């Protein structure tokens, strides 16, 4: 193997490594955006509940009415939080699948690169 071929193999392997790193960076960015959006949704939900609680406190006709409204709100909030938790678990599964796909593709590239290097060295 001459120097030109060696440099070509090194360039090819370097480019593949950069492509893998870029793909991981894009995947990380996508996942971070999804997590940030879910966090904003959760904060909006809690802020909405706080506003509702304040409204109930000012509009309640008495303590028993206020207490019943609080219990009802707590029940609704629990149901919504459970729904959101299920959605978050689905998102976590999608994230896992995304990282697994990236990892599998990276491992296939590594195996291919190993073969390229072995062939370059043995020829």
N, C-alpha and C. Protein backbone atom coordinates (compact mmCIF):
# COMPACT_ATOMS: atom_id res chain seq x y z
N UNK A 1 0.84 -1.17 0.00
CA UNK A 1 0.00 0.00 0.00
C UNK A 1 0.89 1.23 0.00
N UNK A 2 0.61 2.14 -0.93
CA UNK A 2 1.42 3.35 -1.00
C UNK A 2 0.84 4.46 -0.12
N UNK A 3 1.57 5.54 -0.03
CA UNK A 3 1.18 6.64 0.85
C UNK A 3 -0.15 7.25 0.43
N UNK A 4 -0.39 7.38 -0.86
CA UNK A 4 -1.63 7.98 -1.34
C UNK A 4 -2.84 7.14 -0.91
N UNK A 5 -2.71 5.83 -1.02
CA UNK A 5 -3.80 4.95 -0.61
C UNK A 5 -4.02 5.01 0.90
N UNK A 6 -2.94 5.09 1.65
CA UNK A 6 -3.04 5.18 3.11
C UNK A 6 -3.76 6.45 3.52
N UNK A 7 -3.39 7.57 2.91
CA UNK A 7 -4.05 8.84 3.21
C UNK A 7 -5.52 8.79 2.81
N UNK A 8 -5.83 8.15 1.71
CA UNK A 8 -7.21 8.00 1.27
C UNK A 8 -8.03 7.21 2.29
N UNK A 9 -7.46 6.11 2.80
CA UNK A 9 -8.16 5.30 3.80
C UNK A 9 -8.36 6.12 5.08
N UNK A 10 -7.34 6.85 5.51
CA UNK A 10 -7.44 7.67 6.71
C UNK A 10 -8.52 8.74 6.54
N UNK A 11 -8.55 9.38 5.37
CA UNK A 11 -9.56 10.39 5.11
C UNK A 11 -10.97 9.80 5.14
N UNK A 12 -11.11 8.64 4.53
CA UNK A 12 -12.42 7.98 4.50
C UNK A 12 -12.89 7.63 5.91
N UNK A 13 -11.99 7.07 6.71
CA UNK A 13 -12.36 6.71 8.08
C UNK A 13 -12.66 7.96 8.92
N UNK A 14 -11.88 9.00 8.71
CA UNK A 14 -12.11 10.25 9.45
C UNK A 14 -13.47 10.85 9.08
N UNK A 15 -13.80 10.84 7.80
CA UNK A 15 -15.09 11.37 7.35
C UNK A 15 -16.26 10.57 7.93
N UNK A 16 -16.10 9.25 7.97
CA UNK A 16 -17.16 8.42 8.57
C UNK A 16 -17.31 8.72 10.05
N UNK A 17 -16.19 8.90 10.74
CA UNK A 17 -16.24 9.24 12.16
C UNK A 17 -16.94 10.57 12.40
N UNK A 18 -16.65 11.55 11.56
CA UNK A 18 -17.30 12.86 11.69
C UNK A 18 -18.78 12.75 11.39
N UNK A 19 -19.14 11.95 10.39
CA UNK A 19 -20.55 11.74 10.07
C UNK A 19 -21.29 11.10 11.25
N UNK A 20 -20.67 10.12 11.89
CA UNK A 20 -21.28 9.47 13.05
C UNK A 20 -21.47 10.47 14.19
N UNK A 21 -20.44 11.29 14.42
CA UNK A 21 -20.53 12.29 15.49
C UNK A 21 -21.62 13.32 15.19
N UNK A 22 -21.70 13.74 13.93
CA UNK A 22 -22.74 14.69 13.54
C UNK A 22 -24.13 14.09 13.70
N UNK A 23 -24.27 12.82 13.32
CA UNK A 23 -25.57 12.15 13.46
C UNK A 23 -25.97 12.07 14.94
N UNK A 24 -25.00 11.78 15.81
CA UNK A 24 -25.28 11.74 17.24
C UNK A 24 -25.66 13.12 17.76
N UNK A 25 -24.97 14.14 17.31
CA UNK A 25 -25.30 15.50 17.72
C UNK A 25 -26.70 15.90 17.29
N UNK A 26 -27.08 15.55 16.08
CA UNK A 26 -28.43 15.85 15.60
C UNK A 26 -29.48 15.10 16.41
N UNK A 27 -29.19 13.85 16.72
CA UNK A 27 -30.11 13.05 17.53
C UNK A 27 -30.25 13.65 18.93
N UNK A 28 -29.13 14.04 19.53
CA UNK A 28 -29.17 14.66 20.85
C UNK A 28 -29.98 15.95 20.83
N UNK A 29 -29.79 16.76 19.81
CA UNK A 29 -30.53 18.02 19.70
C UNK A 29 -32.02 17.75 19.57
N UNK A 30 -32.38 16.80 18.74
CA UNK A 30 -33.80 16.45 18.56
C UNK A 30 -34.41 16.00 19.88
N UNK A 31 -33.69 15.16 20.60
CA UNK A 31 -34.20 14.65 21.88
C UNK A 31 -34.30 15.78 22.91
N UNK A 32 -33.32 16.65 22.95
CA UNK A 32 -33.34 17.77 23.89
C UNK A 32 -34.53 18.69 23.61
N UNK A 33 -34.82 18.91 22.33
CA UNK A 33 -35.97 19.74 21.97
C UNK A 33 -37.27 19.10 22.43
N UNK A 34 -37.38 17.78 22.26
CA UNK A 34 -38.59 17.09 22.69
C UNK A 34 -38.75 17.16 24.21
N UNK A 35 -37.67 16.95 24.94
CA UNK A 35 -37.72 17.00 26.40
C UNK A 35 -38.08 18.42 26.86
N UNK A 36 -37.49 19.42 26.25
CA UNK A 36 -37.78 20.81 26.62
C UNK A 36 -39.26 21.14 26.36
N UNK A 37 -39.79 20.66 25.25
CA UNK A 37 -41.20 20.91 24.94
C UNK A 37 -42.10 20.25 25.98
N UNK A 38 -41.76 19.03 26.39
CA UNK A 38 -42.56 18.33 27.40
C UNK A 38 -42.47 19.06 28.74
N UNK A 39 -41.29 19.57 29.07
CA UNK A 39 -41.14 20.31 30.33
C UNK A 39 -41.97 21.59 30.31
N UNK A 40 -42.00 22.26 29.18
CA UNK A 40 -42.81 23.48 29.06
C UNK A 40 -44.30 23.14 29.19
N UNK A 41 -44.70 22.01 28.59
CA UNK A 41 -46.09 21.58 28.74
C UNK A 41 -46.44 21.32 30.19
N UNK A 42 -45.53 20.67 30.91
CA UNK A 42 -45.77 20.38 32.33
C UNK A 42 -45.86 21.67 33.14
N UNK A 43 -44.97 22.61 32.87
CA UNK A 43 -45.02 23.87 33.60
C UNK A 43 -46.31 24.63 33.29
N UNK A 44 -46.75 24.58 32.06
CA UNK A 44 -48.02 25.23 31.69
C UNK A 44 -49.18 24.58 32.42
N UNK A 45 -49.15 23.27 32.52
CA UNK A 45 -50.20 22.55 33.23
C UNK A 45 -50.27 22.97 34.69
N UNK A 46 -49.14 23.04 35.35
CA UNK A 46 -49.13 23.42 36.76
C UNK A 46 -49.50 24.89 36.95
N UNK A 47 -49.09 25.74 36.04
CA UNK A 47 -49.47 27.15 36.12
C UNK A 47 -50.97 27.30 35.93
N UNK A 48 -51.52 26.55 34.98
CA UNK A 48 -52.96 26.57 34.74
C UNK A 48 -53.72 26.12 35.99
N UNK A 49 -53.22 25.09 36.64
CA UNK A 49 -53.87 24.60 37.86
C UNK A 49 -53.79 25.64 38.98
N UNK A 50 -52.68 26.34 39.06
CA UNK A 50 -52.54 27.39 40.09
C UNK A 50 -53.55 28.50 39.86
N UNK A 51 -53.72 28.89 38.61
CA UNK A 51 -54.68 29.94 38.29
C UNK A 51 -56.10 29.47 38.64
N UNK A 52 -56.41 28.23 38.30
CA UNK A 52 -57.72 27.69 38.63
C UNK A 52 -57.95 27.66 40.15
N UNK A 53 -56.90 27.29 40.89
CA UNK A 53 -57.02 27.23 42.35
C UNK A 53 -57.29 28.62 42.92
N UNK A 54 -56.61 29.62 42.42
CA UNK A 54 -56.83 30.98 42.90
C UNK A 54 -58.25 31.45 42.56
N UNK A 55 -58.70 31.10 41.38
CA UNK A 55 -60.05 31.48 40.98
C UNK A 55 -61.08 30.80 41.89
N UNK A 56 -60.85 29.52 42.19
CA UNK A 56 -61.76 28.82 43.10
C UNK A 56 -61.77 29.46 44.48
N UNK A 57 -60.60 29.84 44.95
CA UNK A 57 -60.50 30.44 46.28
C UNK A 57 -61.29 31.74 46.36
N UNK A 58 -61.30 32.50 45.29
CA UNK A 58 -62.02 33.78 45.32
C UNK A 58 -63.50 33.63 45.03
N UNK A 59 -63.89 32.56 44.33
CA UNK A 59 -65.29 32.41 43.96
C UNK A 59 -66.06 31.43 44.84
N UNK A 60 -65.37 30.73 45.73
CA UNK A 60 -66.05 29.74 46.57
C UNK A 60 -67.02 30.43 47.53
N UNK A 61 -68.18 29.79 47.72
CA UNK A 61 -69.21 30.36 48.59
C UNK A 61 -68.96 30.04 50.06
N UNK A 62 -68.16 29.04 50.29
CA UNK A 62 -67.87 28.65 51.66
C UNK A 62 -66.75 27.62 51.66
N UNK A 63 -66.38 27.25 52.89
CA UNK A 63 -65.27 26.32 53.01
C UNK A 63 -65.59 24.97 52.38
N UNK A 64 -66.77 24.43 52.60
CA UNK A 64 -67.12 23.12 52.06
C UNK A 64 -67.13 23.15 50.53
N UNK A 65 -67.61 24.24 49.95
CA UNK A 65 -67.61 24.38 48.49
C UNK A 65 -66.17 24.44 47.97
N UNK A 66 -65.34 25.17 48.67
CA UNK A 66 -63.92 25.29 48.29
C UNK A 66 -63.23 23.93 48.42
N UNK A 67 -63.51 23.20 49.50
CA UNK A 67 -62.90 21.90 49.72
C UNK A 67 -63.31 20.91 48.63
N UNK A 68 -64.60 20.88 48.29
CA UNK A 68 -65.08 19.99 47.23
C UNK A 68 -64.41 20.33 45.89
N UNK A 69 -64.27 21.59 45.62
CA UNK A 69 -63.62 22.02 44.37
C UNK A 69 -62.15 21.61 44.34
N UNK A 70 -61.50 21.72 45.49
CA UNK A 70 -60.10 21.30 45.57
C UNK A 70 -59.96 19.80 45.31
N UNK A 71 -60.82 19.01 45.90
CA UNK A 71 -60.79 17.56 45.70
C UNK A 71 -61.01 17.23 44.23
N UNK A 72 -61.97 17.90 43.62
CA UNK A 72 -62.25 17.67 42.19
C UNK A 72 -61.05 18.06 41.33
N UNK A 73 -60.44 19.19 41.64
CA UNK A 73 -59.26 19.62 40.89
C UNK A 73 -58.10 18.65 41.08
N UNK A 74 -57.93 18.15 42.29
CA UNK A 74 -56.85 17.20 42.55
C UNK A 74 -57.07 15.93 41.73
N UNK A 75 -58.31 15.48 41.65
CA UNK A 75 -58.62 14.29 40.87
C UNK A 75 -58.31 14.54 39.38
N UNK A 76 -58.75 15.67 38.86
CA UNK A 76 -58.48 16.01 37.45
C UNK A 76 -56.98 16.12 37.18
N UNK A 77 -56.29 16.74 38.12
CA UNK A 77 -54.85 16.92 37.95
C UNK A 77 -54.13 15.57 37.97
N UNK A 78 -54.55 14.69 38.85
CA UNK A 78 -53.94 13.36 38.93
C UNK A 78 -54.14 12.61 37.62
N UNK A 79 -55.34 12.69 37.06
CA UNK A 79 -55.62 12.02 35.79
C UNK A 79 -54.76 12.60 34.67
N UNK A 80 -54.64 13.93 34.64
CA UNK A 80 -53.82 14.55 33.59
C UNK A 80 -52.35 14.21 33.75
N UNK A 81 -51.87 14.19 34.99
CA UNK A 81 -50.46 13.85 35.23
C UNK A 81 -50.19 12.40 34.81
N UNK A 82 -51.13 11.51 35.08
CA UNK A 82 -50.97 10.12 34.65
C UNK A 82 -50.92 10.02 33.12
N UNK A 83 -51.79 10.77 32.46
CA UNK A 83 -51.79 10.78 30.99
C UNK A 83 -50.46 11.33 30.47
N UNK A 84 -49.99 12.40 31.08
CA UNK A 84 -48.71 12.98 30.67
C UNK A 84 -47.57 12.02 30.94
N UNK A 85 -47.64 11.30 32.04
CA UNK A 85 -46.58 10.32 32.35
C UNK A 85 -46.53 9.22 31.31
N UNK A 86 -47.69 8.76 30.88
CA UNK A 86 -47.73 7.74 29.83
C UNK A 86 -47.13 8.28 28.53
N UNK A 87 -47.46 9.52 28.21
CA UNK A 87 -46.90 10.14 27.02
C UNK A 87 -45.38 10.26 27.14
N UNK A 88 -44.90 10.62 28.32
CA UNK A 88 -43.46 10.73 28.55
C UNK A 88 -42.77 9.38 28.41
N UNK A 89 -43.41 8.33 28.88
CA UNK A 89 -42.83 6.99 28.74
C UNK A 89 -42.76 6.58 27.27
N UNK A 90 -43.78 6.93 26.50
CA UNK A 90 -43.74 6.65 25.07
C UNK A 90 -42.60 7.41 24.40
N UNK A 91 -42.42 8.66 24.81
CA UNK A 91 -41.33 9.47 24.27
C UNK A 91 -39.98 8.87 24.64
N UNK A 92 -39.86 8.38 25.87
CA UNK A 92 -38.60 7.75 26.30
C UNK A 92 -38.33 6.51 25.46
N UNK A 93 -39.34 5.75 25.13
CA UNK A 93 -39.18 4.59 24.26
C UNK A 93 -38.72 4.99 22.87
N UNK A 94 -39.28 6.08 22.36
CA UNK A 94 -38.86 6.57 21.05
C UNK A 94 -37.41 7.04 21.09
N UNK A 95 -37.04 7.68 22.19
CA UNK A 95 -35.65 8.12 22.33
C UNK A 95 -34.72 6.92 22.38
N UNK A 96 -35.10 5.91 23.13
CA UNK A 96 -34.29 4.69 23.20
C UNK A 96 -34.12 4.09 21.81
N UNK A 97 -35.21 4.02 21.06
CA UNK A 97 -35.15 3.45 19.71
C UNK A 97 -34.24 4.29 18.81
N UNK A 98 -34.30 5.61 18.97
CA UNK A 98 -33.44 6.49 18.17
C UNK A 98 -31.97 6.26 18.47
N UNK A 99 -31.63 6.20 19.76
CA UNK A 99 -30.24 5.95 20.13
C UNK A 99 -29.79 4.55 19.73
N UNK A 100 -30.68 3.57 19.85
CA UNK A 100 -30.33 2.22 19.46
C UNK A 100 -30.05 2.16 17.95
N UNK A 101 -30.88 2.85 17.17
CA UNK A 101 -30.66 2.90 15.72
C UNK A 101 -29.33 3.55 15.38
N UNK A 102 -29.02 4.65 16.08
CA UNK A 102 -27.74 5.32 15.82
C UNK A 102 -26.59 4.38 16.19
N UNK A 103 -26.69 3.73 17.33
CA UNK A 103 -25.63 2.84 17.79
C UNK A 103 -25.43 1.68 16.82
N UNK A 104 -26.53 1.08 16.37
CA UNK A 104 -26.42 -0.04 15.42
C UNK A 104 -25.75 0.40 14.12
N UNK A 105 -26.14 1.59 13.64
CA UNK A 105 -25.52 2.11 12.41
C UNK A 105 -24.04 2.40 12.63
N UNK A 106 -23.70 2.94 13.80
CA UNK A 106 -22.30 3.23 14.10
C UNK A 106 -21.48 1.94 14.18
N UNK A 107 -22.05 0.92 14.79
CA UNK A 107 -21.34 -0.37 14.88
C UNK A 107 -21.14 -1.00 13.50
N UNK A 108 -22.12 -0.87 12.63
CA UNK A 108 -21.98 -1.38 11.27
C UNK A 108 -20.86 -0.63 10.54
N UNK A 109 -20.79 0.68 10.74
CA UNK A 109 -19.71 1.47 10.13
C UNK A 109 -18.35 1.06 10.68
N UNK A 110 -18.29 0.81 11.98
CA UNK A 110 -17.02 0.42 12.60
C UNK A 110 -16.56 -0.92 12.03
N UNK A 111 -17.48 -1.87 11.89
CA UNK A 111 -17.12 -3.17 11.32
C UNK A 111 -16.62 -3.02 9.89
N UNK A 112 -17.31 -2.18 9.14
CA UNK A 112 -16.90 -1.93 7.76
C UNK A 112 -15.52 -1.26 7.72
N UNK A 113 -15.31 -0.30 8.61
CA UNK A 113 -14.02 0.38 8.67
C UNK A 113 -12.91 -0.57 9.06
N UNK A 114 -13.20 -1.49 9.97
CA UNK A 114 -12.21 -2.48 10.38
C UNK A 114 -11.79 -3.32 9.17
N UNK A 115 -12.77 -3.71 8.36
CA UNK A 115 -12.46 -4.49 7.17
C UNK A 115 -11.62 -3.70 6.17
N UNK A 116 -11.94 -2.41 6.03
CA UNK A 116 -11.18 -1.55 5.11
C UNK A 116 -9.73 -1.46 5.56
N UNK A 117 -9.52 -1.27 6.86
CA UNK A 117 -8.15 -1.16 7.38
C UNK A 117 -7.41 -2.49 7.22
N UNK A 118 -8.07 -3.59 7.55
CA UNK A 118 -7.42 -4.89 7.42
C UNK A 118 -7.04 -5.15 5.98
N UNK A 119 -7.94 -4.85 5.05
CA UNK A 119 -7.63 -5.06 3.64
C UNK A 119 -6.49 -4.14 3.17
N UNK A 120 -6.48 -2.93 3.70
CA UNK A 120 -5.42 -1.99 3.30
C UNK A 120 -4.07 -2.45 3.83
N UNK A 121 -4.05 -3.02 5.00
CA UNK A 121 -2.79 -3.43 5.62
C UNK A 121 -2.28 -4.73 5.00
N UNK A 122 -3.18 -5.65 4.69
CA UNK A 122 -2.76 -6.96 4.19
C UNK A 122 -2.47 -6.98 2.71
N UNK A 123 -2.88 -5.95 1.99
CA UNK A 123 -2.65 -5.94 0.52
C UNK A 123 -1.26 -5.51 0.20
